[in-house]
């Protein structure tokens, strides 16, 4: 995992569904350097649900609930307190185990201190150096870590597979969101996904781009093989230093 320092950033974009840009302050946390791979998922859960098999490919064909179960099981295997109550699907943010990132944490980590449309700048022509998307993926997910990382060392933070976040999705949530460690609406139907995917356009790889899906959605014909995730866990409450 990489240490993501506490800090402030401008979250959101000017596009209608991603607006308005607004300042958010976040506590420090740790985030997986890579998406969860099929090999990692199978070692923890005993099965590999992915359509596009490959030990070092991102695990996909995972519902939000599958990702949450993985977080709890990974926590237990490492002697940490699980974050999720699976009877209510609620997250205990004070637990020291693994969980899915909040939408704000994901965007903050993706931007890695940048203020541009993409974490590497504003020119979409450079996306192929950093992400697998519809123009270069060859029509399927790719092994992890083959593209350049962002400034904080996170790989495949854009493209390859969409990443489940902890938050419920609400299109107009930003104006009502708290400015310190927002955790999303208290209820909703869909969960947030971020980052774009192997069969989506360059537009979906913008740092501020928001996507959402029913957390139990399971129809591969409509995109179930494009949903993956990475984990985060809490860090000590001090600024730390920015990962390099």
Protein backbone atom coordinates (compact mmCIF):
# COMPACT_ATOMS: atom_id res chain seq x y z
CA UNK A 1 0.00 0.00 0.00
CA UNK A 2 1.03 3.61 -0.38
CA UNK A 3 0.56 6.25 2.29
CA UNK A 4 -1.76 9.02 1.18
CA UNK A 5 -1.15 12.12 3.32
CA UNK A 6 -3.79 14.30 4.89
CA UNK A 7 -4.62 17.35 2.82
CA UNK A 8 -7.10 19.49 0.95
CA UNK A 9 -8.04 19.41 -2.71
CA UNK A 10 -10.67 20.63 -5.15
CA UNK A 11 -13.02 17.73 -5.80
CA UNK A 12 -15.29 17.49 -8.83
CA UNK A 13 -15.35 18.91 -12.32
CA UNK A 14 -17.35 21.39 -14.35
CA UNK A 15 -19.28 18.67 -16.18
CA UNK A 16 -22.89 18.58 -14.99
CA UNK A 17 -22.85 15.17 -13.27
CA UNK A 18 -19.48 15.90 -11.65
CA UNK A 19 -20.17 19.44 -10.46
CA UNK A 20 -19.65 21.69 -8.67
CA UNK A 21 -15.93 21.73 -7.90
CA UNK A 22 -15.55 22.19 -4.14
CA UNK A 23 -12.83 21.99 -1.51
CA UNK A 24 -12.57 18.83 0.57
CA UNK A 25 -10.22 18.04 3.48
CA UNK A 26 -9.17 14.44 4.10
CA UNK A 27 -7.45 12.55 6.89
CA UNK A 28 -4.48 10.33 5.95
CA UNK A 29 -5.03 6.78 4.77
CA UNK A 30 -3.32 3.90 3.02
CA UNK A 31 -4.37 2.70 -0.42
CA UNK A 32 -3.45 -0.41 -2.39
CA UNK A 33 -0.81 0.43 -4.97
CA UNK A 34 -2.51 -1.95 -7.40
CA UNK A 35 -6.05 -3.05 -8.10
CA UNK A 36 -6.86 -6.35 -6.39
CA UNK A 37 -5.58 -9.07 -8.73
CA UNK A 38 -7.26 -12.37 -9.50
CA UNK A 39 -4.44 -14.18 -7.70
CA UNK A 40 -4.90 -12.06 -4.56
CA UNK A 41 -8.66 -12.45 -4.59
CA UNK A 42 -8.47 -16.22 -4.95
CA UNK A 43 -5.95 -16.56 -2.11
CA UNK A 44 -8.27 -14.66 0.23
CA UNK A 45 -11.68 -15.86 -0.97
CA UNK A 46 -10.90 -19.31 -2.41
CA UNK A 47 -12.43 -18.57 -5.81
CA UNK A 48 -11.84 -16.43 -8.89
CA UNK A 49 -15.06 -15.01 -10.39
CA UNK A 50 -13.36 -13.22 -13.30
CA UNK A 51 -14.34 -13.63 -16.92
CA UNK A 52 -10.93 -12.68 -18.33
CA UNK A 53 -8.66 -15.14 -16.53
CA UNK A 54 -5.10 -14.21 -15.60
CA UNK A 55 -3.40 -14.34 -12.21
CA UNK A 56 -2.04 -10.80 -12.58
CA UNK A 57 -5.14 -9.36 -14.24
CA UNK A 58 -7.51 -7.31 -12.10
CA UNK A 59 -10.26 -9.35 -10.55
CA UNK A 60 -13.60 -8.48 -12.17
CA UNK A 61 -17.15 -9.79 -12.21
CA UNK A 62 -17.30 -8.66 -8.58
CA UNK A 63 -20.34 -7.03 -7.04
CA UNK A 64 -19.92 -4.32 -4.43
CA UNK A 65 -20.85 -6.89 -1.80
CA UNK A 66 -18.13 -9.25 -3.09
CA UNK A 67 -15.55 -6.49 -2.66
CA UNK A 68 -16.77 -5.78 0.87
CA UNK A 69 -16.57 -9.46 1.82
CA UNK A 70 -13.00 -9.55 0.51
CA UNK A 71 -12.12 -6.52 2.66
CA UNK A 72 -13.43 -8.25 5.78
CA UNK A 73 -11.76 -11.56 5.02
CA UNK A 74 -8.43 -9.88 4.25
CA UNK A 75 -8.69 -7.99 7.53
CA UNK A 76 -9.34 -11.18 9.51
CA UNK A 77 -6.44 -12.99 7.87
CA UNK A 78 -4.11 -10.19 9.00
CA UNK A 79 -5.49 -9.94 12.52
CA UNK A 80 -7.22 -6.61 11.94
CA UNK A 81 -10.72 -5.55 12.92
CA UNK A 82 -13.11 -5.88 9.94
CA UNK A 83 -14.75 -2.63 8.88
CA UNK A 84 -18.05 -4.02 7.60
CA UNK A 85 -21.15 -5.29 9.37
CA UNK A 86 -22.40 -7.69 6.72
CA UNK A 87 -25.87 -7.91 8.25
CA UNK A 88 -26.47 -4.20 7.62
CA UNK A 89 -23.76 -3.50 5.00
CA UNK A 90 -22.50 -0.63 7.11
CA UNK A 91 -18.88 0.48 7.40
CA UNK A 92 -17.11 1.22 10.67
CA UNK A 93 -14.56 3.82 9.63
CA UNK A 94 -12.82 3.58 13.01
CA UNK A 95 -11.84 -0.08 12.52
CA UNK A 96 -8.24 -0.75 11.51
CA UNK A 97 -9.12 -3.27 8.79
CA UNK A 98 -9.55 -2.90 5.05
CA UNK A 99 -12.45 -1.18 3.32
CA UNK A 100 -13.37 0.41 0.03
CA UNK A 101 -12.30 4.04 -0.46
CA UNK A 102 -14.80 6.82 -0.15
CA UNK A 103 -15.45 8.67 -3.38
CA UNK A 104 -13.50 11.64 -2.02
CA UNK A 105 -10.54 9.49 -1.00
CA UNK A 106 -10.44 7.87 -4.42
CA UNK A 107 -10.42 11.18 -6.30
CA UNK A 108 -7.86 12.74 -3.94
CA UNK A 109 -5.53 9.76 -4.41
CA UNK A 110 -6.07 9.76 -8.17
CA UNK A 111 -5.28 13.46 -8.50
CA UNK A 112 -2.13 13.08 -6.37
CA UNK A 113 -1.79 16.82 -5.97
CA UNK A 114 -2.72 17.71 -9.54
CA UNK A 115 -5.42 20.20 -10.49
CA UNK A 116 -5.73 19.21 -14.15
CA UNK A 117 -8.41 17.18 -15.94
CA UNK A 118 -6.23 14.06 -15.77
CA UNK A 119 -3.60 13.47 -13.10
CA UNK A 120 -0.91 13.82 -15.78
CA UNK A 121 -2.27 17.01 -17.35
CA UNK A 122 -5.04 18.20 -19.64
CA UNK A 123 -4.02 16.45 -22.88
CA UNK A 124 -6.09 13.26 -23.43
CA UNK A 125 -3.63 12.15 -26.12
CA UNK A 126 -1.23 11.15 -23.31
CA UNK A 127 -3.70 8.81 -21.61
CA UNK A 128 -2.25 5.73 -23.30
CA UNK A 129 0.93 6.11 -21.23
CA UNK A 130 -1.07 5.71 -18.02
CA UNK A 131 -4.24 3.72 -18.64
CA UNK A 132 -5.93 0.90 -20.54
CA UNK A 133 -9.12 2.19 -22.18
CA UNK A 134 -11.15 1.51 -25.32
CA UNK A 135 -8.52 2.73 -27.80
CA UNK A 136 -5.59 0.61 -26.56
CA UNK A 137 -6.89 -2.30 -24.45
CA UNK A 138 -7.54 -4.71 -27.31
CA UNK A 139 -11.02 -5.41 -25.96
CA UNK A 140 -10.18 -6.92 -22.57
CA UNK A 141 -8.55 -6.09 -19.20
CA UNK A 142 -4.77 -6.10 -18.99
CA UNK A 143 -2.23 -7.32 -16.38
CA UNK A 144 -1.64 -4.87 -13.58
CA UNK A 145 1.22 -2.40 -13.39
CA UNK A 146 2.13 -2.12 -17.09
CA UNK A 147 1.42 1.61 -17.37
CA UNK A 148 3.04 4.57 -15.65
CA UNK A 149 1.87 5.42 -12.09
CA UNK A 150 0.53 8.71 -10.90
CA UNK A 151 2.70 11.02 -8.77
CA UNK A 152 1.89 9.07 -5.59
CA UNK A 153 2.80 5.70 -7.06
CA UNK A 154 -0.69 4.34 -7.74
CA UNK A 155 -0.97 2.18 -10.84
CA UNK A 156 -4.04 1.60 -13.03
CA UNK A 157 -5.83 4.25 -11.01
CA UNK A 158 -7.50 5.14 -14.30
CA UNK A 159 -8.63 2.58 -16.87
CA UNK A 160 -8.47 -1.23 -16.83
CA UNK A 161 -11.54 -1.78 -14.59
CA UNK A 162 -13.90 0.53 -12.75
CA UNK A 163 -13.26 0.72 -9.02
CA UNK A 164 -16.04 0.29 -6.48
CA UNK A 165 -16.19 2.99 -3.82
CA UNK A 166 -17.91 2.78 -0.45
CA UNK A 167 -20.39 5.61 -1.09
CA UNK A 168 -23.96 5.54 -2.24
CA UNK A 169 -24.36 7.60 -5.40
CA UNK A 170 -26.42 10.77 -5.52
CA UNK A 171 -26.14 13.05 -8.52
CA UNK A 172 -26.48 16.29 -6.53
CA UNK A 173 -24.64 15.20 -3.38
CA UNK A 174 -21.71 17.61 -3.61
CA UNK A 175 -23.54 20.79 -2.46
CA UNK A 176 -24.68 19.07 0.75
CA UNK A 177 -21.52 17.04 1.43
CA UNK A 178 -19.42 17.87 4.50
CA UNK A 179 -16.07 19.39 3.70
CA UNK A 180 -14.12 17.14 6.09
CA UNK A 181 -13.90 13.42 5.23
CA UNK A 182 -17.21 13.13 3.32
CA UNK A 183 -18.59 9.58 3.26
CA UNK A 184 -21.46 9.90 0.81
CA UNK A 185 -25.24 9.90 1.31
CA UNK A 186 -26.65 7.79 4.16
CA UNK A 187 -28.79 5.75 1.79
CA UNK A 188 -29.40 5.14 -1.90
CA UNK A 189 -29.82 2.50 -4.56
CA UNK A 190 -26.53 2.59 -6.45
CA UNK A 191 -22.90 2.67 -5.38
CA UNK A 192 -20.18 4.91 -6.84
CA UNK A 193 -17.61 3.59 -9.31
CA UNK A 194 -14.55 5.57 -10.37
CA UNK A 195 -11.67 5.49 -12.82
CA UNK A 196 -12.91 4.28 -16.18
CA UNK A 197 -12.35 0.87 -17.74
CA UNK A 198 -10.89 -1.07 -20.64
CA UNK A 199 -13.91 -0.58 -22.91
CA UNK A 200 -14.77 2.98 -21.94
CA UNK A 201 -13.64 6.23 -23.53
CA UNK A 202 -10.93 8.69 -22.59
CA UNK A 203 -13.65 10.84 -21.04
CA UNK A 204 -14.33 8.24 -18.34
CA UNK A 205 -10.71 8.49 -17.15
CA UNK A 206 -11.02 12.09 -15.98
CA UNK A 207 -10.15 12.43 -12.30
CA UNK A 208 -13.55 13.93 -11.55
CA UNK A 209 -15.69 11.53 -13.63
CA UNK A 210 -18.46 9.83 -11.64
CA UNK A 211 -20.11 6.53 -12.52
CA UNK A 212 -22.54 4.34 -10.59
CA UNK A 213 -24.18 0.95 -10.59
CA UNK A 214 -26.52 -1.23 -8.57
CA UNK A 215 -24.28 -2.97 -6.00
CA UNK A 216 -25.80 -6.37 -6.81
CA UNK A 217 -25.66 -6.05 -10.58
CA UNK A 218 -24.56 -9.32 -12.14
CA UNK A 219 -25.21 -9.36 -15.89
CA UNK A 220 -21.91 -9.82 -17.74
CA UNK A 221 -23.51 -8.80 -21.03
CA UNK A 222 -23.95 -5.28 -19.72
CA UNK A 223 -20.63 -4.71 -18.06
CA UNK A 224 -20.17 -6.85 -14.99
CA UNK A 225 -16.69 -7.78 -16.25
CA UNK A 226 -15.58 -4.16 -15.98
CA UNK A 227 -16.00 -3.77 -12.20
CA UNK A 228 -13.07 -4.29 -9.83
CA UNK A 229 -11.66 -2.55 -6.76
CA UNK A 230 -8.72 -1.71 -4.52
CA UNK A 231 -8.67 -1.38 -0.74
CA UNK A 232 -7.81 1.35 1.72
CA UNK A 233 -7.22 1.37 5.48
CA UNK A 234 -6.94 4.11 8.08
CA UNK A 235 -3.62 5.69 8.99
CA UNK A 236 -2.40 7.53 12.07
CA UNK A 237 -3.82 11.02 12.37
CA UNK A 238 -0.76 12.98 11.34
CA UNK A 239 0.12 14.65 8.06
CA UNK A 240 2.94 12.24 7.16
CA UNK A 241 4.79 12.82 3.95
CA UNK A 242 3.54 12.50 0.41
CA UNK A 243 4.43 9.11 -1.08
CA UNK A 244 6.90 9.28 -3.95
